[in-house]
Amino acid sequence: VDKRQLLLARDRFGVKPMFLSKLSDGGLAFASELKGLLAHPLIRRRVN
């Protein structure tokens, strides 16, 4: 709260997942699974 910093961290081997997406409104969304991100209306569904 004081530093206004967000720390996202993942364990050594990646046992637990974390998905990220930069949004068109400038924000960053994150979730344990892709389906969590897809619940956000600004996530685009285009294949890489």
ModelCIF file with pLDDT and N, C-alpha, C, O atoms, coordinates in Angstrom:
data_MODEL
#
_entry.id   MODEL 
#
_entity.id                         1 
_entity.type                       polymer 
_entity.pdbx_number_of_molecules   1 
#
_entity_poly.entity_id                      1 
_entity_poly.type                           'polypeptide(L)' 
_entity_poly.nstd_linkage                   no 
_entity_poly.nstd_monomer                   no 
_entity_poly.pdbx_seq_one_letter_code       VDKRQLLLARDRFGVKPMFLSKLSDGGLAFASELKGLLAHPLIRRRVN 
_entity_poly.pdbx_seq_one_letter_code_can   VDKRQLLLARDRFGVKPMFLSKLSDGGLAFASELKGLLAHPLIRRRVN 
_entity_poly.pdbx_strand_id                 A 
#
loop_
_entity_poly_seq.entity_id 
_entity_poly_seq.num 
_entity_poly_seq.mon_id 
_entity_poly_seq.hetero 
1 1  VAL n 
1 2  ASP n 
1 3  LYS n 
1 4  ARG n 
1 5  GLN n 
1 6  LEU n 
1 7  LEU n 
1 8  LEU n 
1 9  ALA n 
1 10 ARG n 
1 11 ASP n 
1 12 ARG n 
1 13 PHE n 
1 14 GLY n 
1 15 VAL n 
1 16 LYS n 
1 17 PRO n 
1 18 MET n 
1 19 PHE n 
1 20 LEU n 
1 21 SER n 
1 22 LYS n 
1 23 LEU n 
1 24 SER n 
1 25 ASP n 
1 26 GLY n 
1 27 GLY n 
1 28 LEU n 
1 29 ALA n 
1 30 PHE n 
1 31 ALA n 
1 32 SER n 
1 33 GLU n 
1 34 LEU n 
1 35 LYS n 
1 36 GLY n 
1 37 LEU n 
1 38 LEU n 
1 39 ALA n 
1 40 HIS n 
1 41 PRO n 
1 42 LEU n 
1 43 ILE n 
1 44 ARG n 
1 45 ARG n 
1 46 ARG n 
1 47 VAL n 
1 48 ASN n 
#
_struct_asym.id          A 
_struct_asym.entity_id   1 
#
loop_
_ma_qa_metric.id 
_ma_qa_metric.mode 
_ma_qa_metric.name 
_ma_qa_metric.software_group_id 
_ma_qa_metric.type 
1 global pLDDT . pLDDT 
2 local  pLDDT . pLDDT 
#
_ma_qa_metric_global.metric_id      1 
_ma_qa_metric_global.metric_value   96.65 
_ma_qa_metric_global.model_id       1 
_ma_qa_metric_global.ordinal_id     1 
#
loop_
_ma_qa_metric_local.label_asym_id 
_ma_qa_metric_local.label_comp_id 
_ma_qa_metric_local.label_seq_id 
_ma_qa_metric_local.metric_id 
_ma_qa_metric_local.metric_value 
_ma_qa_metric_local.model_id 
_ma_qa_metric_local.ordinal_id 
A VAL 1  2 97.00 1 1  
A ASP 2  2 96.00 1 2  
A LYS 3  2 96.00 1 3  
A ARG 4  2 96.00 1 4  
A GLN 5  2 97.00 1 5  
A LEU 6  2 98.00 1 6  
A LEU 7  2 98.00 1 7  
A LEU 8  2 98.00 1 8  
A ALA 9  2 98.00 1 9  
A ARG 10 2 98.00 1 10 
A ASP 11 2 98.00 1 11 
A ARG 12 2 98.00 1 12 
A PHE 13 2 98.00 1 13 
A GLY 14 2 98.00 1 14 
A VAL 15 2 98.00 1 15 
A LYS 16 2 97.00 1 16 
A PRO 17 2 98.00 1 17 
A MET 18 2 98.00 1 18 
A PHE 19 2 98.00 1 19 
A LEU 20 2 98.00 1 20 
A SER 21 2 98.00 1 21 
A LYS 22 2 96.00 1 22 
A LEU 23 2 95.00 1 23 
A SER 24 2 93.00 1 24 
A ASP 25 2 93.00 1 25 
A GLY 26 2 92.00 1 26 
A GLY 27 2 95.00 1 27 
A LEU 28 2 97.00 1 28 
A ALA 29 2 98.00 1 29 
A PHE 30 2 98.00 1 30 
A ALA 31 2 98.00 1 31 
A SER 32 2 98.00 1 32 
A GLU 33 2 98.00 1 33 
A LEU 34 2 98.00 1 34 
A LYS 35 2 97.00 1 35 
A GLY 36 2 97.00 1 36 
A LEU 37 2 98.00 1 37 
A LEU 38 2 97.00 1 38 
A ALA 39 2 97.00 1 39 
A HIS 40 2 97.00 1 40 
A PRO 41 2 95.00 1 41 
A LEU 42 2 95.00 1 42 
A ILE 43 2 95.00 1 43 
A ARG 44 2 93.00 1 44 
A ARG 45 2 94.00 1 45 
A ARG 46 2 95.00 1 46 
A VAL 47 2 95.00 1 47 
A ASN 48 2 96.00 1 48 
#
loop_
_atom_site.group_PDB 
_atom_site.id 
_atom_site.type_symbol 
_atom_site.label_atom_id 
_atom_site.label_alt_id 
_atom_site.label_comp_id 
_atom_site.label_asym_id 
_atom_site.label_entity_id 
_atom_site.label_seq_id 
_atom_site.pdbx_PDB_ins_code 
_atom_site.Cartn_x 
_atom_site.Cartn_y 
_atom_site.Cartn_z 
_atom_site.occupancy 
_atom_site.B_iso_or_equiv 
_atom_site.pdbx_formal_charge 
_atom_site.auth_seq_id 
_atom_site.auth_comp_id 
_atom_site.auth_asym_id 
_atom_site.auth_atom_id 
_atom_site.pdbx_PDB_model_num 
ATOM 1   N N  . VAL A 1 1  ? 0.828   -1.211  0.000   1.00 97.00 ? 1  VAL A N  1 
ATOM 2   C CA . VAL A 1 1  ? 0.000   0.000   0.000   1.00 97.00 ? 1  VAL A CA 1 
ATOM 3   C C  . VAL A 1 1  ? 0.858   1.255   0.000   1.00 97.00 ? 1  VAL A C  1 
ATOM 4   O O  . VAL A 1 1  ? 0.559   2.205   -0.723  1.00 97.00 ? 1  VAL A O  1 
ATOM 5   N N  . ASP A 1 2  ? 1.919   1.274   0.799   1.00 96.00 ? 2  ASP A N  1 
ATOM 6   C CA . ASP A 1 2  ? 2.760   2.468   0.903   1.00 96.00 ? 2  ASP A CA 1 
ATOM 7   C C  . ASP A 1 2  ? 3.526   2.740   -0.386  1.00 96.00 ? 2  ASP A C  1 
ATOM 8   O O  . ASP A 1 2  ? 3.600   3.881   -0.843  1.00 96.00 ? 2  ASP A O  1 
ATOM 9   N N  . LYS A 1 3  ? 4.098   1.686   -0.971  1.00 96.00 ? 3  LYS A N  1 
ATOM 10  C CA . LYS A 1 3  ? 4.907   1.853   -2.188  1.00 96.00 ? 3  LYS A CA 1 
ATOM 11  C C  . LYS A 1 3  ? 4.064   1.856   -3.458  1.00 96.00 ? 3  LYS A C  1 
ATOM 12  O O  . LYS A 1 3  ? 4.566   2.170   -4.538  1.00 96.00 ? 3  LYS A O  1 
ATOM 13  N N  . ARG A 1 4  ? 2.791   1.510   -3.333  1.00 96.00 ? 4  ARG A N  1 
ATOM 14  C CA . ARG A 1 4  ? 1.884   1.382   -4.493  1.00 96.00 ? 4  ARG A CA 1 
ATOM 15  C C  . ARG A 1 4  ? 2.481   0.418   -5.526  1.00 96.00 ? 4  ARG A C  1 
ATOM 16  O O  . ARG A 1 4  ? 2.454   0.666   -6.731  1.00 96.00 ? 4  ARG A O  1 
ATOM 17  N N  . GLN A 1 5  ? 3.013   -0.677  -5.012  1.00 97.00 ? 5  GLN A N  1 
ATOM 18  C CA . GLN A 1 5  ? 3.639   -1.701  -5.850  1.00 97.00 ? 5  GLN A CA 1 
ATOM 19  C C  . GLN A 1 5  ? 2.858   -3.005  -5.759  1.00 97.00 ? 5  GLN A C  1 
ATOM 20  O O  . GLN A 1 5  ? 2.330   -3.359  -4.705  1.00 97.00 ? 5  GLN A O  1 
ATOM 21  N N  . LEU A 1 6  ? 2.796   -3.709  -6.880  1.00 98.00 ? 6  LEU A N  1 
ATOM 22  C CA . LEU A 1 6  ? 2.199   -5.041  -6.916  1.00 98.00 ? 6  LEU A CA 1 
ATOM 23  C C  . LEU A 1 6  ? 3.287   -6.041  -7.266  1.00 98.00 ? 6  LEU A C  1 
ATOM 24  O O  . LEU A 1 6  ? 3.954   -5.906  -8.292  1.00 98.00 ? 6  LEU A O  1 
ATOM 25  N N  . LEU A 1 7  ? 3.467   -7.040  -6.419  1.00 98.00 ? 7  LEU A N  1 
ATOM 26  C CA . LEU A 1 7  ? 4.425   -8.115  -6.656  1.00 98.00 ? 7  LEU A CA 1 
ATOM 27  C C  . LEU A 1 7  ? 3.664   -9.363  -7.085  1.00 98.00 ? 7  LEU A C  1 
ATOM 28  O O  . LEU A 1 7  ? 2.841   -9.887  -6.335  1.00 98.00 ? 7  LEU A O  1 
ATOM 29  N N  . LEU A 1 8  ? 3.946   -9.833  -8.296  1.00 98.00 ? 8  LEU A N  1 
ATOM 30  C CA . LEU A 1 8  ? 3.428   -11.110 -8.772  1.00 98.00 ? 8  LEU A CA 1 
ATOM 31  C C  . LEU A 1 8  ? 4.595   -12.086 -8.776  1.00 98.00 ? 8  LEU A C  1 
ATOM 32  O O  . LEU A 1 8  ? 5.645   -11.786 -9.344  1.00 98.00 ? 8  LEU A O  1 
ATOM 33  N N  . ALA A 1 9  ? 4.433   -13.237 -8.158  1.00 98.00 ? 9  ALA A N  1 
ATOM 34  C CA . ALA A 1 9  ? 5.543   -14.189 -8.046  1.00 98.00 ? 9  ALA A CA 1 
ATOM 35  C C  . ALA A 1 9  ? 5.054   -15.610 -8.240  1.00 98.00 ? 9  ALA A C  1 
ATOM 36  O O  . ALA A 1 9  ? 3.927   -15.961 -7.893  1.00 98.00 ? 9  ALA A O  1 
ATOM 37  N N  . ARG A 1 10 ? 5.954   -16.429 -8.814  1.00 98.00 ? 10 ARG A N  1 
ATOM 38  C CA . ARG A 1 10 ? 5.634   -17.826 -9.085  1.00 98.00 ? 10 ARG A CA 1 
ATOM 39  C C  . ARG A 1 10 ? 6.753   -18.714 -8.554  1.00 98.00 ? 10 ARG A C  1 
ATOM 40  O O  . ARG A 1 10 ? 7.923   -18.332 -8.595  1.00 98.00 ? 10 ARG A O  1 
ATOM 41  N N  . ASP A 1 11 ? 6.404   -19.888 -8.060  1.00 98.00 ? 11 ASP A N  1 
ATOM 42  C CA . ASP A 1 11 ? 7.377   -20.767 -7.405  1.00 98.00 ? 11 ASP A CA 1 
ATOM 43  C C  . ASP A 1 11 ? 8.462   -21.248 -8.357  1.00 98.00 ? 11 ASP A C  1 
ATOM 44  O O  . ASP A 1 11 ? 8.384   -21.048 -9.570  1.00 98.00 ? 11 ASP A O  1 
ATOM 45  N N  . ARG A 1 12 ? 9.471   -21.883 -7.783  1.00 98.00 ? 12 ARG A N  1 
ATOM 46  C CA . ARG A 1 12 ? 10.695  -22.232 -8.503  1.00 98.00 ? 12 ARG A CA 1 
ATOM 47  C C  . ARG A 1 12 ? 10.447  -23.060 -9.757  1.00 98.00 ? 12 ARG A C  1 
ATOM 48  O O  . ARG A 1 12 ? 11.055  -22.804 -10.796 1.00 98.00 ? 12 ARG A O  1 
ATOM 49  N N  . PHE A 1 13 ? 9.564   -24.046 -9.672  1.00 98.00 ? 13 PHE A N  1 
ATOM 50  C CA . PHE A 1 13 ? 9.364   -24.978 -10.778 1.00 98.00 ? 13 PHE A CA 1 
ATOM 51  C C  . PHE A 1 13 ? 8.096   -24.700 -11.579 1.00 98.00 ? 13 PHE A C  1 
ATOM 52  O O  . PHE A 1 13 ? 7.870   -25.323 -12.616 1.00 98.00 ? 13 PHE A O  1 
ATOM 53  N N  . GLY A 1 14 ? 7.272   -23.775 -11.109 1.00 98.00 ? 14 GLY A N  1 
ATOM 54  C CA . GLY A 1 14 ? 6.032   -23.492 -11.825 1.00 98.00 ? 14 GLY A CA 1 
ATOM 55  C C  . GLY A 1 14 ? 4.928   -24.473 -11.528 1.00 98.00 ? 14 GLY A C  1 
ATOM 56  O O  . GLY A 1 14 ? 4.108   -24.771 -12.396 1.00 98.00 ? 14 GLY A O  1 
ATOM 57  N N  . VAL A 1 15 ? 4.894   -24.989 -10.289 1.00 98.00 ? 15 VAL A N  1 
ATOM 58  C CA . VAL A 1 15 ? 3.818   -25.906 -9.904  1.00 98.00 ? 15 VAL A CA 1 
ATOM 59  C C  . VAL A 1 15 ? 2.474   -25.184 -9.995  1.00 98.00 ? 15 VAL A C  1 
ATOM 60  O O  . VAL A 1 15 ? 1.482   -25.750 -10.456 1.00 98.00 ? 15 VAL A O  1 
ATOM 61  N N  . LYS A 1 16 ? 2.456   -23.935 -9.553  1.00 97.00 ? 16 LYS A N  1 
ATOM 62  C CA . LYS A 1 16 ? 1.232   -23.140 -9.597  1.00 97.00 ? 16 LYS A CA 1 
ATOM 63  C C  . LYS A 1 16 ? 1.311   -22.132 -10.743 1.00 97.00 ? 16 LYS A C  1 
ATOM 64  O O  . LYS A 1 16 ? 2.343   -21.486 -10.923 1.00 97.00 ? 16 LYS A O  1 
ATOM 65  N N  . PRO A 1 17 ? 0.242   -21.990 -11.515 1.00 98.00 ? 17 PRO A N  1 
ATOM 66  C CA . PRO A 1 17 ? 0.272   -21.173 -12.735 1.00 98.00 ? 17 PRO A CA 1 
ATOM 67  C C  . PRO A 1 17 ? -0.124  -19.721 -12.491 1.00 98.00 ? 17 PRO A C  1 
ATOM 68  O O  . PRO A 1 17 ? -0.750  -19.387 -11.485 1.00 98.00 ? 17 PRO A O  1 
ATOM 69  N N  . MET A 1 18 ? 0.260   -18.864 -13.445 1.00 98.00 ? 18 MET A N  1 
ATOM 70  C CA . MET A 1 18 ? -0.236  -17.493 -13.467 1.00 98.00 ? 18 MET A CA 1 
ATOM 71  C C  . MET A 1 18 ? -0.227  -16.968 -14.900 1.00 98.00 ? 18 MET A C  1 
ATOM 72  O O  . MET A 1 18 ? 0.816   -16.919 -15.553 1.00 98.00 ? 18 MET A O  1 
ATOM 73  N N  . PHE A 1 19 ? -1.411  -16.575 -15.376 1.00 98.00 ? 19 PHE A N  1 
ATOM 74  C CA . PHE A 1 19 ? -1.583  -15.990 -16.696 1.00 98.00 ? 19 PHE A CA 1 
ATOM 75  C C  . PHE A 1 19 ? -1.703  -14.468 -16.567 1.00 98.00 ? 19 PHE A C  1 
ATOM 76  O O  . PHE A 1 19 ? -2.261  -13.960 -15.595 1.00 98.00 ? 19 PHE A O  1 
ATOM 77  N N  . LEU A 1 20 ? -1.169  -13.749 -17.565 1.00 98.00 ? 20 LEU A N  1 
ATOM 78  C CA . LEU A 1 20 ? -1.165  -12.292 -17.559 1.00 98.00 ? 20 LEU A CA 1 
ATOM 79  C C  . LEU A 1 20 ? -1.660  -11.766 -18.898 1.00 98.00 ? 20 LEU A C  1 
ATOM 80  O O  . LEU A 1 20 ? -1.504  -12.422 -19.928 1.00 98.00 ? 20 LEU A O  1 
ATOM 81  N N  . SER A 1 21 ? -2.260  -10.574 -18.880 1.00 98.00 ? 21 SER A N  1 
ATOM 82  C CA . SER A 1 21 ? -2.632  -9.927  -20.137 1.00 98.00 ? 21 SER A CA 1 
ATOM 83  C C  . SER A 1 21 ? -2.678  -8.421  -19.951 1.00 98.00 ? 21 SER A C  1 
ATOM 84  O O  . SER A 1 21 ? -3.318  -7.913  -19.030 1.00 98.00 ? 21 SER A O  1 
ATOM 85  N N  . LYS A 1 22 ? -1.987  -7.711  -20.847 1.00 96.00 ? 22 LYS A N  1 
ATOM 86  C CA . LYS A 1 22 ? -2.056  -6.251  -20.866 1.00 96.00 ? 22 LYS A CA 1 
ATOM 87  C C  . LYS A 1 22 ? -3.344  -5.849  -21.576 1.00 96.00 ? 22 LYS A C  1 
ATOM 88  O O  . LYS A 1 22 ? -3.617  -6.292  -22.691 1.00 96.00 ? 22 LYS A O  1 
ATOM 89  N N  . LEU A 1 23 ? -4.121  -5.013  -20.922 1.00 95.00 ? 23 LEU A N  1 
ATOM 90  C CA . LEU A 1 23 ? -5.438  -4.643  -21.428 1.00 95.00 ? 23 LEU A CA 1 
ATOM 91  C C  . LEU A 1 23 ? -5.381  -3.356  -22.240 1.00 95.00 ? 23 LEU A C  1 
ATOM 92  O O  . LEU A 1 23 ? -4.458  -2.555  -22.091 1.00 95.00 ? 23 LEU A O  1 
ATOM 93  N N  . SER A 1 24 ? -6.358  -3.169  -23.083 1.00 93.00 ? 24 SER A N  1 
ATOM 94  C CA . SER A 1 24 ? -6.389  -1.983  -23.938 1.00 93.00 ? 24 SER A CA 1 
ATOM 95  C C  . SER A 1 24 ? -6.584  -0.699  -23.142 1.00 93.00 ? 24 SER A C  1 
ATOM 96  O O  . SER A 1 24 ? -6.281  0.386   -23.638 1.00 93.00 ? 24 SER A O  1 
ATOM 97  N N  . ASP A 1 25 ? -7.093  -0.808  -21.899 1.00 93.00 ? 25 ASP A N  1 
ATOM 98  C CA . ASP A 1 25 ? -7.272  0.392   -21.071 1.00 93.00 ? 25 ASP A CA 1 
ATOM 99  C C  . ASP A 1 25 ? -6.037  0.703   -20.234 1.00 93.00 ? 25 ASP A C  1 
ATOM 100 O O  . ASP A 1 25 ? -6.072  1.572   -19.362 1.00 93.00 ? 25 ASP A O  1 
ATOM 101 N N  . GLY A 1 26 ? -4.924  -0.024  -20.509 1.00 92.00 ? 26 GLY A N  1 
ATOM 102 C CA . GLY A 1 26 ? -3.675  0.228   -19.811 1.00 92.00 ? 26 GLY A CA 1 
ATOM 103 C C  . GLY A 1 26 ? -3.444  -0.636  -18.597 1.00 92.00 ? 26 GLY A C  1 
ATOM 104 O O  . GLY A 1 26 ? -2.358  -0.595  -18.018 1.00 92.00 ? 26 GLY A O  1 
ATOM 105 N N  . GLY A 1 27 ? -4.418  -1.412  -18.192 1.00 95.00 ? 27 GLY A N  1 
ATOM 106 C CA . GLY A 1 27 ? -4.270  -2.254  -17.016 1.00 95.00 ? 27 GLY A CA 1 
ATOM 107 C C  . GLY A 1 27 ? -3.623  -3.588  -17.336 1.00 95.00 ? 27 GLY A C  1 
ATOM 108 O O  . GLY A 1 27 ? -3.426  -3.950  -18.496 1.00 95.00 ? 27 GLY A O  1 
ATOM 109 N N  . LEU A 1 28 ? -3.302  -4.302  -16.280 1.00 97.00 ? 28 LEU A N  1 
ATOM 110 C CA . LEU A 1 28 ? -2.804  -5.674  -16.384 1.00 97.00 ? 28 LEU A CA 1 
ATOM 111 C C  . LEU A 1 28 ? -3.774  -6.575  -15.638 1.00 97.00 ? 28 LEU A C  1 
ATOM 112 O O  . LEU A 1 28 ? -4.056  -6.355  -14.460 1.00 97.00 ? 28 LEU A O  1 
ATOM 113 N N  . ALA A 1 29 ? -4.283  -7.591  -16.324 1.00 98.00 ? 29 ALA A N  1 
ATOM 114 C CA . ALA A 1 29 ? -5.134  -8.592  -15.681 1.00 98.00 ? 29 ALA A CA 1 
ATOM 115 C C  . ALA A 1 29 ? -4.325  -9.856  -15.468 1.00 98.00 ? 29 ALA A C  1 
ATOM 116 O O  . ALA A 1 29 ? -3.472  -10.195 -16.287 1.00 98.00 ? 29 ALA A O  1 
ATOM 117 N N  . PHE A 1 30 ? -4.588  -10.560 -14.367 1.00 98.00 ? 30 PHE A N  1 
ATOM 118 C CA . PHE A 1 30 ? -3.889  -11.814 -14.099 1.00 98.00 ? 30 PHE A CA 1 
ATOM 119 C C  . PHE A 1 30 ? -4.852  -12.805 -13.465 1.00 98.00 ? 30 PHE A C  1 
ATOM 120 O O  . PHE A 1 30 ? -5.823  -12.417 -12.816 1.00 98.00 ? 30 PHE A O  1 
ATOM 121 N N  . ALA A 1 31 ? -4.571  -14.090 -13.660 1.00 98.00 ? 31 ALA A N  1 
ATOM 122 C CA . ALA A 1 31 ? -5.437  -15.140 -13.119 1.00 98.00 ? 31 ALA A CA 1 
ATOM 123 C C  . ALA A 1 31 ? -4.703  -16.469 -13.114 1.00 98.00 ? 31 ALA A C  1 
ATOM 124 O O  . ALA A 1 31 ? -3.727  -16.655 -13.841 1.00 98.00 ? 31 ALA A O  1 
ATOM 125 N N  . SER A 1 32 ? -5.177  -17.384 -12.295 1.00 98.00 ? 32 SER A N  1 
ATOM 126 C CA . SER A 1 32 ? -4.561  -18.713 -12.181 1.00 98.00 ? 32 SER A CA 1 
ATOM 127 C C  . SER A 1 32 ? -4.744  -19.539 -13.444 1.00 98.00 ? 32 SER A C  1 
ATOM 128 O O  . SER A 1 32 ? -3.909  -20.387 -13.757 1.00 98.00 ? 32 SER A O  1 
ATOM 129 N N  . GLU A 1 33 ? -5.821  -19.301 -14.167 1.00 98.00 ? 33 GLU A N  1 
ATOM 130 C CA . GLU A 1 33 ? -6.067  -20.031 -15.408 1.00 98.00 ? 33 GLU A CA 1 
ATOM 131 C C  . GLU A 1 33 ? -6.549  -19.057 -16.473 1.00 98.00 ? 33 GLU A C  1 
ATOM 132 O O  . GLU A 1 33 ? -7.028  -17.963 -16.174 1.00 98.00 ? 33 GLU A O  1 
ATOM 133 N N  . LEU A 1 34 ? -6.410  -19.484 -17.722 1.00 98.00 ? 34 LEU A N  1 
ATOM 134 C CA . LEU A 1 34 ? -6.833  -18.645 -18.834 1.00 98.00 ? 34 LEU A CA 1 
ATOM 135 C C  . LEU A 1 34 ? -8.315  -18.316 -18.732 1.00 98.00 ? 34 LEU A C  1 
ATOM 136 O O  . LEU A 1 34 ? -8.716  -17.205 -19.080 1.00 98.00 ? 34 LEU A O  1 
ATOM 137 N N  . LYS A 1 35 ? -9.135  -19.243 -18.269 1.00 97.00 ? 35 LYS A N  1 
ATOM 138 C CA . LYS A 1 35 ? -10.574 -18.987 -18.175 1.00 97.00 ? 35 LYS A CA 1 
ATOM 139 C C  . LYS A 1 35 ? -10.863 -17.830 -17.227 1.00 97.00 ? 35 LYS A C  1 
ATOM 140 O O  . LYS A 1 35 ? -11.876 -17.149 -17.388 1.00 97.00 ? 35 LYS A O  1 
ATOM 141 N N  . GLY A 1 36 ? -10.001 -17.592 -16.245 1.00 97.00 ? 36 GLY A N  1 
ATOM 142 C CA . GLY A 1 36 ? -10.173 -16.437 -15.378 1.00 97.00 ? 36 GLY A CA 1 
ATOM 143 C C  . GLY A 1 36 ? -9.969  -15.141 -16.133 1.00 97.00 ? 36 GLY A C  1 
ATOM 144 O O  . GLY A 1 36 ? -10.726 -14.189 -15.945 1.00 97.00 ? 36 GLY A O  1 
ATOM 145 N N  . LEU A 1 37 ? -8.955  -15.090 -16.987 1.00 98.00 ? 37 LEU A N  1 
ATOM 146 C CA . LEU A 1 37 ? -8.733  -13.898 -17.817 1.00 98.00 ? 37 LEU A CA 1 
ATOM 147 C C  . LEU A 1 37 ? -9.882  -13.685 -18.797 1.00 98.00 ? 37 LEU A C  1 
ATOM 148 O O  . LEU A 1 37 ? -10.312 -12.554 -19.026 1.00 98.00 ? 37 LEU A O  1 
ATOM 149 N N  . LEU A 1 38 ? -10.371 -14.771 -19.370 1.00 97.00 ? 38 LEU A N  1 
ATOM 150 C CA . LEU A 1 38 ? -11.413 -14.659 -20.390 1.00 97.00 ? 38 LEU A CA 1 
ATOM 151 C C  . LEU A 1 38 ? -12.723 -14.116 -19.836 1.00 97.00 ? 38 LEU A C  1 
ATOM 152 O O  . LEU A 1 38 ? -13.599 -13.717 -20.602 1.00 97.00 ? 38 LEU A O  1 
ATOM 153 N N  . ALA A 1 39 ? -12.867 -14.097 -18.520 1.00 97.00 ? 39 ALA A N  1 
ATOM 154 C CA . ALA A 1 39 ? -14.052 -13.488 -17.918 1.00 97.00 ? 39 ALA A CA 1 
ATOM 155 C C  . ALA A 1 39 ? -13.989 -11.969 -17.959 1.00 97.00 ? 39 ALA A C  1 
ATOM 156 O O  . ALA A 1 39 ? -14.979 -11.294 -17.676 1.00 97.00 ? 39 ALA A O  1 
ATOM 157 N N  . HIS A 1 40 ? -12.805 -11.422 -18.317 1.00 97.00 ? 40 HIS A N  1 
ATOM 158 C CA . HIS A 1 40 ? -12.662 -9.969  -18.464 1.00 97.00 ? 40 HIS A CA 1 
ATOM 159 C C  . HIS A 1 40 ? -13.054 -9.586  -19.889 1.00 97.00 ? 40 HIS A C  1 
ATOM 160 O O  . HIS A 1 40 ? -12.578 -10.211 -20.836 1.00 97.00 ? 40 HIS A O  1 
ATOM 161 N N  . PRO A 1 41 ? -13.901 -8.584  -20.068 1.00 95.00 ? 41 PRO A N  1 
ATOM 162 C CA . PRO A 1 41 ? -14.431 -8.278  -21.412 1.00 95.00 ? 41 PRO A CA 1 
ATOM 163 C C  . PRO A 1 41 ? -13.399 -7.729  -22.394 1.00 95.00 ? 41 PRO A C  1 
ATOM 164 O O  . PRO A 1 41 ? -13.666 -7.703  -23.596 1.00 95.00 ? 41 PRO A O  1 
ATOM 165 N N  . LEU A 1 42 ? -12.219 -7.286  -21.922 1.00 95.00 ? 42 LEU A N  1 
ATOM 166 C CA . LEU A 1 42 ? -11.244 -6.703  -22.837 1.00 95.00 ? 42 LEU A CA 1 
ATOM 167 C C  . LEU A 1 42 ? -10.240 -7.707  -23.389 1.00 95.00 ? 42 LEU A C  1 
ATOM 168 O O  . LEU A 1 42 ? -9.363  -7.334  -24.169 1.00 95.00 ? 42 LEU A O  1 
ATOM 169 N N  . ILE A 1 43 ? -10.350 -8.972  -22.999 1.00 95.00 ? 43 ILE A N  1 
ATOM 170 C CA . ILE A 1 43 ? -9.441  -9.988  -23.528 1.00 95.00 ? 43 ILE A CA 1 
ATOM 171 C C  . ILE A 1 43 ? -9.892  -10.382 -24.933 1.00 95.00 ? 43 ILE A C  1 
ATOM 172 O O  . ILE A 1 43 ? -11.038 -10.787 -25.133 1.00 95.00 ? 43 ILE A O  1 
ATOM 173 N N  . ARG A 1 44 ? -8.991  -10.263 -25.899 1.00 93.00 ? 44 ARG A N  1 
ATOM 174 C CA . ARG A 1 44 ? -9.298  -10.624 -27.286 1.00 93.00 ? 44 ARG A CA 1 
ATOM 175 C C  . ARG A 1 44 ? -8.973  -12.094 -27.529 1.00 93.00 ? 44 ARG A C  1 
ATOM 176 O O  . ARG A 1 44 ? -7.998  -12.616 -26.988 1.00 93.00 ? 44 ARG A O  1 
ATOM 177 N N  . ARG A 1 45 ? -9.779  -12.751 -28.333 1.00 94.00 ? 45 ARG A N  1 
ATOM 178 C CA . ARG A 1 45 ? -9.617  -14.187 -28.589 1.00 94.00 ? 45 ARG A CA 1 
ATOM 179 C C  . ARG A 1 45 ? -9.074  -14.406 -29.994 1.00 94.00 ? 45 ARG A C  1 
ATOM 180 O O  . ARG A 1 45 ? -9.787  -14.854 -30.892 1.00 94.00 ? 45 ARG A O  1 
ATOM 181 N N  . ARG A 1 46 ? -7.817  -14.086 -30.162 1.00 95.00 ? 46 ARG A N  1 
ATOM 182 C CA . ARG A 1 46 ? -7.157  -14.247 -31.460 1.00 95.00 ? 46 ARG A CA 1 
ATOM 183 C C  . ARG A 1 46 ? -5.933  -15.141 -31.268 1.00 95.00 ? 46 ARG A C  1 
ATOM 184 O O  . ARG A 1 46 ? -5.147  -14.937 -30.343 1.00 95.00 ? 46 ARG A O  1 
ATOM 185 N N  . VAL A 1 47 ? -5.777  -16.131 -32.144 1.00 95.00 ? 47 VAL A N  1 
ATOM 186 C CA . VAL A 1 47 ? -4.700  -17.110 -32.001 1.00 95.00 ? 47 VAL A CA 1 
ATOM 187 C C  . VAL A 1 47 ? -3.342  -16.488 -32.314 1.00 95.00 ? 47 VAL A C  1 
ATOM 188 O O  . VAL A 1 47 ? -3.193  -15.718 -33.263 1.00 95.00 ? 47 VAL A O  1 
ATOM 189 N N  . ASN A 1 48 ? -2.369  -16.838 -31.499 1.00 96.00 ? 48 ASN A N  1 
ATOM 190 C CA . ASN A 1 48 ? -0.983  -16.429 -31.696 1.00 96.00 ? 48 ASN A CA 1 
ATOM 191 C C  . ASN A 1 48 ? -0.307  -17.463 -32.608 1.00 96.00 ? 48 ASN A C  1 
ATOM 192 O O  . ASN A 1 48 ? 0.877   -17.330 -32.920 1.00 96.00 ? 48 ASN A O  1 
#
